[in-house]
């Protein structure tokens, strides 16, 4: 573990390196309008009722929480054997464990988040048709809440009362046992899948 205030360069190219540093408000500027647009479109064009939109959006939030858990547990903590695989995993998550409080690397790079969001939207729409639009809005809401909580957890200047439980659990994941507590915004799936436990 490196000093939390230190950093490392990921790319020799200044252009590529620039994309790895992201202001923590960027996801909200990128996806906030998309979230509002999806809800507005579902209401005005497809005539979903407020209750329908609320239920679909809530379902999207639940889908996000499960997605968050498995992305963190299965993908980000996968242990590849090839040098190429190790490099990719380090770029996605390993650097975060080495430099957990590097403030401009606490949110996902915009190119990556836009690519993933586009894919997830396509899956929602292909599987559910118009109902996938408000559900995707809920998924985005879950993602934005994740970015808010994750930044608050790692930035000592941003201690928000209701994130304190998540802060303690996530910091235990970083500094005590990286094989447990994969949920950042909620311990729900850790409880369900038995990964919310103390290291023996």
Foldseek 3Di string as FASTA:
>chain_A
DDDQADADQLDPDPVVSVLQFAALCVLCVVCVVLLVVLLVCCCPPVNDDPVLLVVLLQLLLVVLQVVQLCCQQPPLPDDDDDPVSVSVSCSVHVRCLVRVQPLRNQADRPVVVVVVLVVQLVVLCVVPNSSSSSSSSSNSVNNSVLSVLSSLLRHVVNPDVVSPVLSVLVVCCRPPNVNASSRNNDCVVCVVVVRRDHDD
